[in-house]
Amino acid sequence: MLVKDVMNKNVVVAKSEVTIREASKVMSKYKIGSLVVLKDNDVIGIITEGDIMESVANDHNPDSTSVEKIMSQKVLTVDPEDTIENAADIMVQNKIKKLPVMENGKLRGIITASDIVVVEPKLIQSIASLISMKIPGYSGG
């Protein structure tokens, strides 16, 4: 099965200058765990719930700090024609749960660990390590 068969084509994005508070409101509204960050229509980062929690814990002001200051700048991506097994391997090797899908330099979608598990149960064992990595000592799915 290919990434294009599973990915969500409706990617919610944020401009780089958006504040942490604005980003968290968008994430809450759409019940999503990340936003792809754009600058001049180019993907420059991704911000996750974890990034927001860490920034608040480190006393960043959510009303004046932009997502560009706290986002992950190293954005790993996949192509729509990649297999979901390849996407899962990238996620597991890099301990990430979301991958923007890029084609010819353009954002085409996003695929998450949850998306993969729903359509390919045999990959649950691989993905389980990502889901459980938040809980020290917990090795189940």
Protein backbone atom coordinates (compact mmCIF):
# COMPACT_ATOMS: atom_id res chain seq x y z
CA MET A 1 0.00 0.00 0.00
CA LEU A 2 1.25 3.48 -0.84
CA VAL A 3 1.40 6.66 1.23
CA LYS A 4 -0.99 8.37 -1.19
CA ASP A 5 -3.63 5.75 -0.35
CA VAL A 6 -3.50 6.54 3.37
CA MET A 7 -2.38 10.17 3.76
CA ASN A 8 -4.66 12.98 4.79
CA LYS A 9 -4.76 15.46 1.93
CA ASN A 10 -6.24 18.25 4.05
CA VAL A 11 -3.17 19.43 5.94
CA VAL A 12 -3.69 22.13 8.53
CA VAL A 13 -0.74 24.52 8.36
CA ALA A 14 0.56 27.56 10.22
CA LYS A 15 2.55 30.51 8.99
CA SER A 16 5.93 30.86 10.68
CA GLU A 17 4.99 34.07 12.48
CA VAL A 18 1.90 32.64 14.20
CA THR A 19 2.16 32.61 18.00
CA ILE A 20 2.23 29.47 20.08
CA ARG A 21 -1.19 30.35 21.51
CA GLU A 22 -2.71 30.77 18.03
CA ALA A 23 -1.20 27.46 16.92
CA SER A 24 -2.51 25.64 19.98
CA LYS A 25 -6.01 27.02 19.36
CA VAL A 26 -5.95 25.74 15.78
CA MET A 27 -4.69 22.33 16.91
CA SER A 28 -7.42 22.18 19.55
CA LYS A 29 -10.13 23.25 17.11
CA TYR A 30 -9.22 20.54 14.59
CA LYS A 31 -8.24 17.98 17.26
CA ILE A 32 -4.82 17.42 15.71
CA GLY A 33 -1.37 16.96 17.23
CA SER A 34 0.74 19.00 14.82
CA LEU A 35 0.89 21.79 12.29
CA VAL A 36 3.16 21.97 9.30
CA VAL A 37 4.86 25.38 9.34
CA LEU A 38 5.13 27.39 6.13
CA LYS A 39 7.08 30.47 5.12
CA ASP A 40 6.38 31.84 1.64
CA ASN A 41 4.49 28.57 0.87
CA ASP A 42 7.60 26.49 1.63
CA VAL A 43 7.64 23.88 4.42
CA ILE A 44 10.18 25.06 6.99
CA GLY A 45 9.16 23.06 10.05
CA ILE A 46 6.59 21.19 12.04
CA ILE A 47 5.21 22.04 15.47
CA THR A 48 3.73 19.38 17.71
CA GLU A 49 1.87 19.26 21.01
CA GLY A 50 5.14 18.23 22.60
CA ASP A 51 6.93 21.31 21.24
CA ILE A 52 4.22 23.53 22.71
CA MET A 53 4.31 21.81 26.12
CA GLU A 54 8.10 22.08 26.25
CA SER A 55 8.05 25.77 25.30
CA VAL A 56 5.53 26.61 28.01
CA ALA A 57 7.51 24.56 30.55
CA ASN A 58 10.57 26.61 29.55
CA ASP A 59 8.67 29.86 30.21
CA HIS A 60 8.22 30.96 26.61
CA ASN A 61 5.36 33.44 26.41
CA PRO A 62 2.70 31.77 24.24
CA ASP A 63 1.31 35.15 23.23
CA SER A 64 4.56 36.57 21.89
CA THR A 65 6.66 33.55 20.86
CA SER A 66 6.26 32.49 17.25
CA VAL A 67 6.04 28.87 16.19
CA GLU A 68 9.20 29.40 14.14
CA LYS A 69 11.19 29.79 17.38
CA ILE A 70 10.12 26.42 18.83
CA MET A 71 9.25 24.21 15.84
CA SER A 72 11.27 21.24 14.71
CA GLN A 73 13.27 22.50 11.75
CA LYS A 74 14.49 19.13 10.56
CA VAL A 75 11.41 17.99 8.67
CA LEU A 76 11.55 14.46 7.34
CA THR A 77 9.12 13.81 4.53
CA VAL A 78 7.87 11.04 2.27
CA ASP A 79 6.69 10.93 -1.31
CA PRO A 80 3.10 9.93 -2.13
CA GLU A 81 4.50 6.96 -4.09
CA ASP A 82 6.50 5.62 -1.10
CA THR A 83 5.15 2.55 0.63
CA ILE A 84 3.58 2.86 4.04
CA GLU A 85 6.17 0.37 5.26
CA ASN A 86 8.88 2.88 4.30
CA ALA A 87 6.96 5.67 6.07
CA ALA A 88 6.68 3.49 9.20
CA ASP A 89 10.41 2.73 9.07
CA ILE A 90 11.24 6.46 8.89
CA MET A 91 8.95 7.16 11.84
CA VAL A 92 10.40 4.39 14.00
CA GLN A 93 14.05 5.16 13.17
CA ASN A 94 13.57 8.86 13.93
CA LYS A 95 11.07 8.51 16.80
CA ILE A 96 8.47 10.69 15.11
CA LYS A 97 4.76 10.13 14.56
CA LYS A 98 3.97 12.43 11.66
CA LEU A 99 5.42 12.84 8.18
CA PRO A 100 4.49 15.54 5.71
CA VAL A 101 4.00 14.15 2.22
CA MET A 102 5.87 16.14 -0.43
CA GLU A 103 5.78 15.86 -4.20
CA ASN A 104 7.94 18.03 -6.45
CA GLY A 105 8.66 20.37 -3.55
CA LYS A 106 4.96 20.87 -2.73
CA LEU A 107 3.06 19.77 0.36
CA ARG A 108 0.49 17.18 -0.72
CA GLY A 109 -0.59 15.65 2.58
CA ILE A 110 0.44 14.22 5.93
CA ILE A 111 0.63 10.66 7.20
CA THR A 112 0.66 9.68 10.86
CA ALA A 113 1.51 6.56 12.80
CA SER A 114 -2.20 6.21 13.59
CA ASP A 115 -3.09 6.33 9.89
CA ILE A 116 -0.70 3.47 9.21
CA VAL A 117 -1.91 1.29 12.08
CA VAL A 118 -5.53 1.62 10.94
CA VAL A 119 -4.83 0.34 7.41
CA GLU A 120 -1.92 -2.00 8.03
CA PRO A 121 -2.32 -3.89 11.32
CA LYS A 122 0.81 -5.97 10.68
CA LEU A 123 2.85 -2.79 11.26
CA ILE A 124 1.44 -2.34 14.76
CA GLN A 125 4.52 -3.94 16.34
CA SER A 126 6.80 -1.35 14.72
CA ILE A 127 4.57 1.61 15.45
CA ALA A 128 3.87 0.50 19.05
CA SER A 129 7.32 1.69 20.08
CA LEU A 130 6.42 5.23 19.01
CA ILE A 131 3.13 5.24 20.84
CA SER A 132 4.60 3.87 24.06
CA MET A 133 7.82 5.90 24.09
CA LYS A 134 6.19 8.56 26.28
CA ILE A 135 5.72 6.17 29.19
CA PRO A 136 8.98 5.08 30.84
CA GLY A 137 9.05 1.36 31.43
CA TYR A 138 5.96 0.69 29.32
CA SER A 139 6.62 -1.56 26.36
CA GLY A 140 3.11 -2.48 25.26
CA GLY A 141 1.06 -0.95 22.46
